[in-house]
Every structure is written in C-alpha cells, then in structure tokens.
Amino acid sequence: MENSLMYIGVGLCALSMMAAAIGLGRVWSVLIETIGRNPQVKKDVQTLGYIAAAFIEAIALYALVVAILMIVK
C-alpha cells in the first residue's frame, strides 16, 4: 500500500510539471504575439517574459526534486 501511494504522489508531481510546461508555452506565445503587435515594447516585454519563464521553470524543478525524493526514500 505504501509503495502505491508513492507512485500516486510521483504522478501528481508529473502533472504539476506538465502544467508548468503548458504555462511556459503560454507565456512565450503571448510574448511573441505582443512583440508582433507592438515591436517598440520588445525590450520591456522580453525581460518580463524571461522572469516569468524562470519562475515557471523553478516550479517544475521543485516538483521534479520532490518526485525524485519520493522515489529514493
């Protein structure tokens, strides 16, 4: 029973990593669309896009670390 709960937890971590990937794709698509509509704001929007991408990737990496720790223990 304990082993099966571990796999359920790892699966939930994988779902959060998938959600982070979807969010990252959305950030970049909105960034490209915004720059396409108004090229003068490229510098400001691009900086904010990199910051948002870093935060989203951090969430995915935290989920990966938690999943690995669940498997190891």
PDB file of N, CA and C in Angstrom:
ATOM      1  N   MET A   1       0.826  -1.197   0.000  1.00  0.00           N
ATOM      2  CA  MET A   1       0.000   0.000   0.000  1.00  0.00           C
ATOM      3  C   MET A   1       0.866   1.254   0.000  1.00  0.00           C
ATOM      4  N   GLU A   2       1.919   1.219   0.808  1.00  0.00           N
ATOM      5  CA  GLU A   2       2.795   2.390   0.897  1.00  0.00           C
ATOM      6  C   GLU A   2       3.468   2.685  -0.439  1.00  0.00           C
ATOM      7  N   ASN A   3       3.847   1.637  -1.144  1.00  0.00           N
ATOM      8  CA  ASN A   3       4.517   1.790  -2.428  1.00  0.00           C
ATOM      9  C   ASN A   3       3.587   2.398  -3.474  1.00  0.00           C
ATOM     10  N   SER A   4       2.321   1.994  -3.459  1.00  0.00           N
ATOM     11  CA  SER A   4       1.381   2.525  -4.447  1.00  0.00           C
ATOM     12  C   SER A   4       1.090   4.000  -4.200  1.00  0.00           C
ATOM     13  N   LEU A   5       1.051   4.409  -2.939  1.00  0.00           N
ATOM     14  CA  LEU A   5       0.838   5.822  -2.636  1.00  0.00           C
ATOM     15  C   LEU A   5       2.017   6.670  -3.102  1.00  0.00           C
ATOM     16  N   MET A   6       3.215   6.106  -3.037  1.00  0.00           N
ATOM     17  CA  MET A   6       4.383   6.816  -3.528  1.00  0.00           C
ATOM     18  C   MET A   6       4.252   7.096  -5.024  1.00  0.00           C
ATOM     19  N   TYR A   7       3.787   6.091  -5.780  1.00  0.00           N
ATOM     20  CA  TYR A   7       3.639   6.277  -7.225  1.00  0.00           C
ATOM     21  C   TYR A   7       2.532   7.275  -7.553  1.00  0.00           C
ATOM     22  N   ILE A   8       1.500   7.315  -6.742  1.00  0.00           N
ATOM     23  CA  ILE A   8       0.458   8.322  -6.945  1.00  0.00           C
ATOM     24  C   ILE A   8       1.038   9.715  -6.709  1.00  0.00           C
ATOM     25  N   GLY A   9       1.850   9.875  -5.676  1.00  0.00           N
ATOM     26  CA  GLY A   9       2.491  11.161  -5.410  1.00  0.00           C
ATOM     27  C   GLY A   9       3.432  11.581  -6.520  1.00  0.00           C
ATOM     28  N   VAL A  10       4.180  10.640  -7.058  1.00  0.00           N
ATOM     29  CA  VAL A  10       5.087  10.942  -8.171  1.00  0.00           C
ATOM     30  C   VAL A  10       4.278  11.332  -9.408  1.00  0.00           C
ATOM     31  N   GLY A  11       3.156  10.688  -9.619  1.00  0.00           N
ATOM     32  CA  GLY A  11       2.283  11.048 -10.737  1.00  0.00           C
ATOM     33  C   GLY A  11       1.721  12.450 -10.589  1.00  0.00           C
ATOM     34  N   LEU A  12       1.379  12.836  -9.368  1.00  0.00           N
ATOM     35  CA  LEU A  12       0.898  14.201  -9.139  1.00  0.00           C
ATOM     36  C   LEU A  12       2.007  15.219  -9.393  1.00  0.00           C
ATOM     37  N   CYS A  13       3.232  14.872  -9.038  1.00  0.00           N
ATOM     38  CA  CYS A  13       4.357  15.755  -9.357  1.00  0.00           C
ATOM     39  C   CYS A  13       4.533  15.876 -10.861  1.00  0.00           C
ATOM     40  N   ALA A  14       4.334  14.784 -11.576  1.00  0.00           N
ATOM     41  CA  ALA A  14       4.436  14.835 -13.038  1.00  0.00           C
ATOM     42  C   ALA A  14       3.341  15.710 -13.628  1.00  0.00           C
ATOM     43  N   LEU A  15       2.154  15.681 -13.038  1.00  0.00           N
ATOM     44  CA  LEU A  15       1.080  16.554 -13.509  1.00  0.00           C
ATOM     45  C   LEU A  15       1.428  18.022 -13.296  1.00  0.00           C
ATOM     46  N   SER A  16       2.065  18.327 -12.174  1.00  0.00           N
ATOM     47  CA  SER A  16       2.449  19.724 -11.954  1.00  0.00           C
ATOM     48  C   SER A  16       3.544  20.156 -12.920  1.00  0.00           C
ATOM     49  N   MET A  17       4.433  19.236 -13.289  1.00  0.00           N
ATOM     50  CA  MET A  17       5.449  19.573 -14.288  1.00  0.00           C
ATOM     51  C   MET A  17       4.805  19.787 -15.661  1.00  0.00           C
ATOM     52  N   MET A  18       3.758  19.018 -15.958  1.00  0.00           N
ATOM     53  CA  MET A  18       3.052  19.214 -17.220  1.00  0.00           C
ATOM     54  C   MET A  18       2.339  20.568 -17.231  1.00  0.00           C
ATOM     55  N   ALA A  19       1.756  20.941 -16.112  1.00  0.00           N
ATOM     56  CA  ALA A  19       1.093  22.239 -16.024  1.00  0.00           C
ATOM     57  C   ALA A  19       2.103  23.374 -16.184  1.00  0.00           C
ATOM     58  N   ALA A  20       3.297  23.189 -15.647  1.00  0.00           N
ATOM     59  CA  ALA A  20       4.345  24.203 -15.813  1.00  0.00           C
ATOM     60  C   ALA A  20       4.759  24.316 -17.273  1.00  0.00           C
ATOM     61  N   ALA A  21       4.821  23.201 -17.973  1.00  0.00           N
ATOM     62  CA  ALA A  21       5.176  23.236 -19.390  1.00  0.00           C
ATOM     63  C   ALA A  21       4.101  23.953 -20.205  1.00  0.00           C
ATOM     64  N   ILE A  22       2.848  23.722 -19.878  1.00  0.00           N
ATOM     65  CA  ILE A  22       1.761  24.416 -20.571  1.00  0.00           C
ATOM     66  C   ILE A  22       1.830  25.908 -20.281  1.00  0.00           C
ATOM     67  N   GLY A  23       2.088  26.262 -19.034  1.00  0.00           N
ATOM     68  CA  GLY A  23       2.205  27.678 -18.673  1.00  0.00           C
ATOM     69  C   GLY A  23       3.372  28.349 -19.365  1.00  0.00           C
ATOM     70  N   LEU A  24       4.467  27.644 -19.485  1.00  0.00           N
ATOM     71  CA  LEU A  24       5.638  28.199 -20.171  1.00  0.00           C
ATOM     72  C   LEU A  24       5.354  28.424 -21.652  1.00  0.00           C
ATOM     73  N   GLY A  25       4.676  27.500 -22.270  1.00  0.00           N
ATOM     74  CA  GLY A  25       4.291  27.681 -23.662  1.00  0.00           C
ATOM     75  C   GLY A  25       3.353  28.857 -23.850  1.00  0.00           C
ATOM     76  N   ARG A  26       2.464  29.036 -22.891  1.00  0.00           N
ATOM     77  CA  ARG A  26       1.532  30.178 -22.966  1.00  0.00           C
ATOM     78  C   ARG A  26       2.266  31.500 -22.797  1.00  0.00           C
ATOM     79  N   VAL A  27       3.225  31.549 -21.885  1.00  0.00           N
ATOM     80  CA  VAL A  27       4.000  32.781 -21.683  1.00  0.00           C
ATOM     81  C   VAL A  27       4.721  33.161 -22.967  1.00  0.00           C
ATOM     82  N   TRP A  28       5.383  32.190 -23.599  1.00  0.00           N
ATOM     83  CA  TRP A  28       6.140  32.508 -24.806  1.00  0.00           C
ATOM     84  C   TRP A  28       5.229  32.862 -25.969  1.00  0.00           C
ATOM     85  N   SER A  29       4.065  32.213 -26.076  1.00  0.00           N
ATOM     86  CA  SER A  29       3.172  32.553 -27.181  1.00  0.00           C
ATOM     87  C   SER A  29       2.607  33.962 -27.018  1.00  0.00           C
ATOM     88  N   VAL A  30       2.264  34.342 -25.794  1.00  0.00           N
ATOM     89  CA  VAL A  30       1.775  35.705 -25.564  1.00  0.00           C
ATOM     90  C   VAL A  30       2.894  36.713 -25.781  1.00  0.00           C
ATOM     91  N   LEU A  31       4.105  36.356 -25.397  1.00  0.00           N
ATOM     92  CA  LEU A  31       5.249  37.245 -25.609  1.00  0.00           C
ATOM     93  C   LEU A  31       5.477  37.503 -27.096  1.00  0.00           C
ATOM     94  N   ILE A  32       5.461  36.453 -27.889  1.00  0.00           N
ATOM     95  CA  ILE A  32       5.661  36.601 -29.330  1.00  0.00           C
ATOM     96  C   ILE A  32       4.524  37.404 -29.954  1.00  0.00           C
ATOM     97  N   GLU A  33       3.301  37.140 -29.515  1.00  0.00           N
ATOM     98  CA  GLU A  33       2.152  37.877 -30.048  1.00  0.00           C
ATOM     99  C   GLU A  33       2.233  39.364 -29.697  1.00  0.00           C
ATOM    100  N   THR A  34       2.646  39.667 -28.472  1.00  0.00           N
ATOM    101  CA  THR A  34       2.755  41.059 -28.043  1.00  0.00           C
ATOM    102  C   THR A  34       3.835  41.795 -28.829  1.00  0.00           C
ATOM    103  N   ILE A  35       4.973  41.174 -29.004  1.00  0.00           N
ATOM    104  CA  ILE A  35       6.054  41.808 -29.762  1.00  0.00           C
ATOM    105  C   ILE A  35       5.653  41.965 -31.234  1.00  0.00           C
ATOM    106  N   GLY A  36       4.893  41.020 -31.750  1.00  0.00           N
ATOM    107  CA  GLY A  36       4.433  41.135 -33.126  1.00  0.00           C
ATOM    108  C   GLY A  36       3.475  42.300 -33.329  1.00  0.00           C
ATOM    109  N   ARG A  37       2.664  42.571 -32.320  1.00  0.00           N
ATOM    110  CA  ARG A  37       1.709  43.673 -32.426  1.00  0.00           C
ATOM    111  C   ARG A  37       2.352  45.040 -32.194  1.00  0.00           C
ATOM    112  N   ASN A  38       3.318  45.085 -31.278  1.00  0.00           N
ATOM    113  CA  ASN A  38       3.942  46.368 -30.932  1.00  0.00           C
ATOM    114  C   ASN A  38       5.444  46.144 -30.716  1.00  0.00           C
ATOM    115  N   PRO A  39       6.255  46.242 -31.753  1.00  0.00           N
ATOM    116  CA  PRO A  39       7.691  45.946 -31.643  1.00  0.00           C
ATOM    117  C   PRO A  39       8.463  46.904 -30.725  1.00  0.00           C
ATOM    118  N   GLN A  40       7.910  48.085 -30.440  1.00  0.00           N
ATOM    119  CA  GLN A  40       8.627  49.040 -29.587  1.00  0.00           C
ATOM    120  C   GLN A  40       8.746  48.556 -28.137  1.00  0.00           C
ATOM    121  N   VAL A  41       7.876  47.670 -27.698  1.00  0.00           N
ATOM    122  CA  VAL A  41       7.899  47.213 -26.305  1.00  0.00           C
ATOM    123  C   VAL A  41       8.708  45.929 -26.131  1.00  0.00           C
ATOM    124  N   LYS A  42       9.481  45.568 -27.151  1.00  0.00           N
ATOM    125  CA  LYS A  42      10.220  44.295 -27.117  1.00  0.00           C
ATOM    126  C   LYS A  42      11.127  44.187 -25.892  1.00  0.00           C
ATOM    127  N   LYS A  43      11.871  45.236 -25.595  1.00  0.00           N
ATOM    128  CA  LYS A  43      12.838  45.185 -24.503  1.00  0.00           C
ATOM    129  C   LYS A  43      12.140  44.941 -23.158  1.00  0.00           C
ATOM    130  N   ASP A  44      11.088  45.686 -22.877  1.00  0.00           N
ATOM    131  CA  ASP A  44      10.383  45.549 -21.598  1.00  0.00           C
ATOM    132  C   ASP A  44       9.664  44.208 -21.481  1.00  0.00           C
ATOM    133  N   VAL A  45       8.971  43.830 -22.540  1.00  0.00           N
ATOM    134  CA  VAL A  45       8.189  42.600 -22.510  1.00  0.00           C
ATOM    135  C   VAL A  45       9.103  41.374 -22.468  1.00  0.00           C
ATOM    136  N   GLN A  46      10.211  41.453 -23.166  1.00  0.00           N
ATOM    137  CA  GLN A  46      11.132  40.317 -23.196  1.00  0.00           C
ATOM    138  C   GLN A  46      11.738  40.074 -21.817  1.00  0.00           C
ATOM    139  N   THR A  47      12.070  41.137 -21.107  1.00  0.00           N
ATOM    140  CA  THR A  47      12.609  40.993 -19.759  1.00  0.00           C
ATOM    141  C   THR A  47      11.591  40.337 -18.836  1.00  0.00           C
ATOM    142  N   LEU A  48      10.354  40.807 -18.900  1.00  0.00           N
ATOM    143  CA  LEU A  48       9.301  40.211 -18.074  1.00  0.00           C
ATOM    144  C   LEU A  48       9.040  38.757 -18.467  1.00  0.00           C
ATOM    145  N   GLY A  49       9.169  38.449 -19.748  1.00  0.00           N
ATOM    146  CA  GLY A  49       8.988  37.070 -20.202  1.00  0.00           C
ATOM    147  C   GLY A  49      10.049  36.139 -19.642  1.00  0.00           C
ATOM    148  N   TYR A  50      11.298  36.605 -19.609  1.00  0.00           N
ATOM    149  CA  TYR A  50      12.367  35.782 -19.029  1.00  0.00           C
ATOM    150  C   TYR A  50      12.159  35.569 -17.529  1.00  0.00           C
ATOM    151  N   ILE A  51      11.707  36.592 -16.835  1.00  0.00           N
ATOM    152  CA  ILE A  51      11.447  36.457 -15.395  1.00  0.00           C
ATOM    153  C   ILE A  51      10.318  35.457 -15.152  1.00  0.00           C
ATOM    154  N   ALA A  52       9.240  35.574 -15.921  1.00  0.00           N
ATOM    155  CA  ALA A  52       8.112  34.647 -15.779  1.00  0.00           C
ATOM    156  C   ALA A  52       8.540  33.211 -16.105  1.00  0.00           C
ATOM    157  N   ALA A  53       9.340  33.055 -17.142  1.00  0.00           N
ATOM    158  CA  ALA A  53       9.819  31.724 -17.509  1.00  0.00           C
ATOM    159  C   ALA A  53      10.684  31.123 -16.405  1.00  0.00           C
ATOM    160  N   ALA A  54      11.493  31.949 -15.764  1.00  0.00           N
ATOM    161  CA  ALA A  54      12.338  31.451 -14.671  1.00  0.00           C
ATOM    162  C   ALA A  54      11.490  30.978 -13.498  1.00  0.00           C
ATOM    163  N   PHE A  55      10.450  31.717 -13.169  1.00  0.00           N
ATOM    164  CA  PHE A  55       9.571  31.305 -12.066  1.00  0.00           C
ATOM    165  C   PHE A  55       8.838  30.009 -12.399  1.00  0.00           C
ATOM    166  N   ILE A  56       8.369  29.887 -13.623  1.00  0.00           N
ATOM    167  CA  ILE A  56       7.653  28.676 -14.020  1.00  0.00           C
ATOM    168  C   ILE A  56       8.589  27.477 -14.032  1.00  0.00           C
ATOM    169  N   GLU A  57       9.797  27.660 -14.523  1.00  0.00           N
ATOM    170  CA  GLU A  57      10.765  26.563 -14.522  1.00  0.00           C
ATOM    171  C   GLU A  57      11.153  26.161 -13.101  1.00  0.00           C
ATOM    172  N   ALA A  58      11.205  27.132 -12.193  1.00  0.00           N
ATOM    173  CA  ALA A  58      11.511  26.812 -10.793  1.00  0.00           C
ATOM    174  C   ALA A  58      10.440  25.901 -10.208  1.00  0.00           C
ATOM    175  N   ILE A  59       9.187  26.166 -10.517  1.00  0.00           N
ATOM    176  CA  ILE A  59       8.103  25.313 -10.023  1.00  0.00           C
ATOM    177  C   ILE A  59       8.256  23.892 -10.560  1.00  0.00           C
ATOM    178  N   ALA A  60       8.582  23.770 -11.830  1.00  0.00           N
ATOM    179  CA  ALA A  60       8.767  22.446 -12.423  1.00  0.00           C
ATOM    180  C   ALA A  60       9.959  21.721 -11.799  1.00  0.00           C
ATOM    181  N   LEU A  61      11.034  22.443 -11.536  1.00  0.00           N
ATOM    182  CA  LEU A  61      12.202  21.809 -10.915  1.00  0.00           C
ATOM    183  C   LEU A  61      11.923  21.386  -9.478  1.00  0.00           C
ATOM    184  N   TYR A  62      11.144  22.180  -8.744  1.00  0.00           N
ATOM    185  CA  TYR A  62      10.764  21.782  -7.383  1.00  0.00           C
ATOM    186  C   TYR A  62       9.942  20.500  -7.420  1.00  0.00           C
ATOM    187  N   ALA A  63       9.030  20.405  -8.358  1.00  0.00           N
ATOM    188  CA  ALA A  63       8.221  19.190  -8.485  1.00  0.00           C
ATOM    189  C   ALA A  63       9.093  17.996  -8.850  1.00  0.00           C
ATOM    190  N   LEU A  64      10.082  18.199  -9.703  1.00  0.00           N
ATOM    191  CA  LEU A  64      10.995  17.113 -10.071  1.00  0.00           C
ATOM    192  C   LEU A  64      11.805  16.645  -8.863  1.00  0.00           C
ATOM    193  N   VAL A  65      12.284  17.584  -8.075  1.00  0.00           N
ATOM    194  CA  VAL A  65      13.067  17.219  -6.884  1.00  0.00           C
ATOM    195  C   VAL A  65      12.202  16.440  -5.900  1.00  0.00           C
ATOM    196  N   VAL A  66      10.977  16.885  -5.688  1.00  0.00           N
ATOM    197  CA  VAL A  66      10.078  16.179  -4.775  1.00  0.00           C
ATOM    198  C   VAL A  66       9.798  14.772  -5.289  1.00  0.00           C
ATOM    199  N   ALA A  67       9.584  14.640  -6.595  1.00  0.00           N
ATOM    200  CA  ALA A  67       9.325  13.311  -7.166  1.00  0.00           C
ATOM    201  C   ALA A  67      10.533  12.392  -6.993  1.00  0.00           C
ATOM    202  N   ILE A  68      11.720  12.912  -7.225  1.00  0.00           N
ATOM    203  CA  ILE A  68      12.920  12.099  -7.059  1.00  0.00           C
ATOM    204  C   ILE A  68      13.109  11.698  -5.591  1.00  0.00           C
ATOM    205  N   LEU A  69      12.863  12.643  -4.697  1.00  0.00           N
ATOM    206  CA  LEU A  69      12.990  12.315  -3.269  1.00  0.00           C
ATOM    207  C   LEU A  69      11.970  11.253  -2.839  1.00  0.00           C
ATOM    208  N   MET A  70      10.789  11.277  -3.413  1.00  0.00           N
ATOM    209  CA  MET A  70       9.792  10.247  -3.071  1.00  0.00           C
ATOM    210  C   MET A  70      10.234   8.886  -3.579  1.00  0.00           C
ATOM    211  N   ILE A  71      10.834   8.849  -4.752  1.00  0.00           N
ATOM    212  CA  ILE A  71      11.260   7.566  -5.307  1.00  0.00           C
ATOM    213  C   ILE A  71      12.442   6.992  -4.533  1.00  0.00           C
ATOM    214  N   VAL A  72      13.363   7.867  -4.142  1.00  0.00           N
ATOM    215  CA  VAL A  72      14.587   7.412  -3.456  1.00  0.00           C
ATOM    216  C   VAL A  72      14.269   6.872  -2.066  1.00  0.00           C
ATOM    217  N   LYS A  73      13.386   7.526  -1.367  1.00  0.00           N
ATOM    218  CA  LYS A  73      13.089   7.096   0.016  1.00  0.00           C
ATOM    219  C   LYS A  73      12.202   5.924   0.004  1.00  0.00           C
TER     220      LYS A  73
END
